[in-house]
Amino acid sequence: MHHPLRRSEAATISVNKILWEAICQCQRCFFRSLI
């Protein structure tokens, strides 16, 4: 039996991963514009 909580937890983790990668790219662009 699959618990819906597990599925939403996995979805949250994947969303956080995407957001984290986007933040890292934004920071890279920001520091590049400063130099």
Protein backbone atom coordinates (compact mmCIF):
# COMPACT_ATOMS: atom_id res chain seq x y z
CA MET A 1 0.00 0.00 0.00
CA HIS A 2 1.30 3.43 -0.99
CA HIS A 3 0.81 6.33 1.36
CA PRO A 4 -0.08 9.70 -0.25
CA LEU A 5 2.23 11.37 2.25
CA ARG A 6 5.21 9.52 0.79
CA ARG A 7 4.26 10.62 -2.73
CA SER A 8 3.84 14.29 -1.75
CA GLU A 9 7.13 14.10 0.17
CA ALA A 10 8.94 12.88 -2.96
CA ALA A 11 7.28 15.65 -4.99
CA THR A 12 8.40 18.24 -2.46
CA ILE A 13 11.97 16.93 -2.60
CA SER A 14 12.02 17.12 -6.41
CA VAL A 15 10.60 20.67 -6.32
CA ASN A 16 13.20 21.71 -3.74
CA LYS A 17 15.93 20.22 -5.97
CA ILE A 18 14.70 22.22 -8.97
CA LEU A 19 14.44 25.41 -6.88
CA TRP A 20 17.93 24.86 -5.43
CA GLU A 21 19.44 24.43 -8.91
CA ALA A 22 17.63 27.57 -10.11
CA ILE A 23 18.91 29.55 -7.10
CA CYS A 24 22.47 28.35 -7.75
CA GLN A 25 22.24 29.47 -11.39
CA CYS A 26 20.81 32.86 -10.36
CA GLN A 27 23.65 33.38 -7.88
CA ARG A 28 26.20 32.45 -10.56
CA CYS A 29 24.67 34.99 -12.97
CA PHE A 30 24.51 37.62 -10.21
CA PHE A 31 28.18 37.23 -9.23
CA ARG A 32 29.17 37.24 -12.92
CA SER A 33 27.35 40.57 -13.41
CA LEU A 34 29.15 42.05 -10.37
CA ILE A 35 32.62 41.32 -11.74
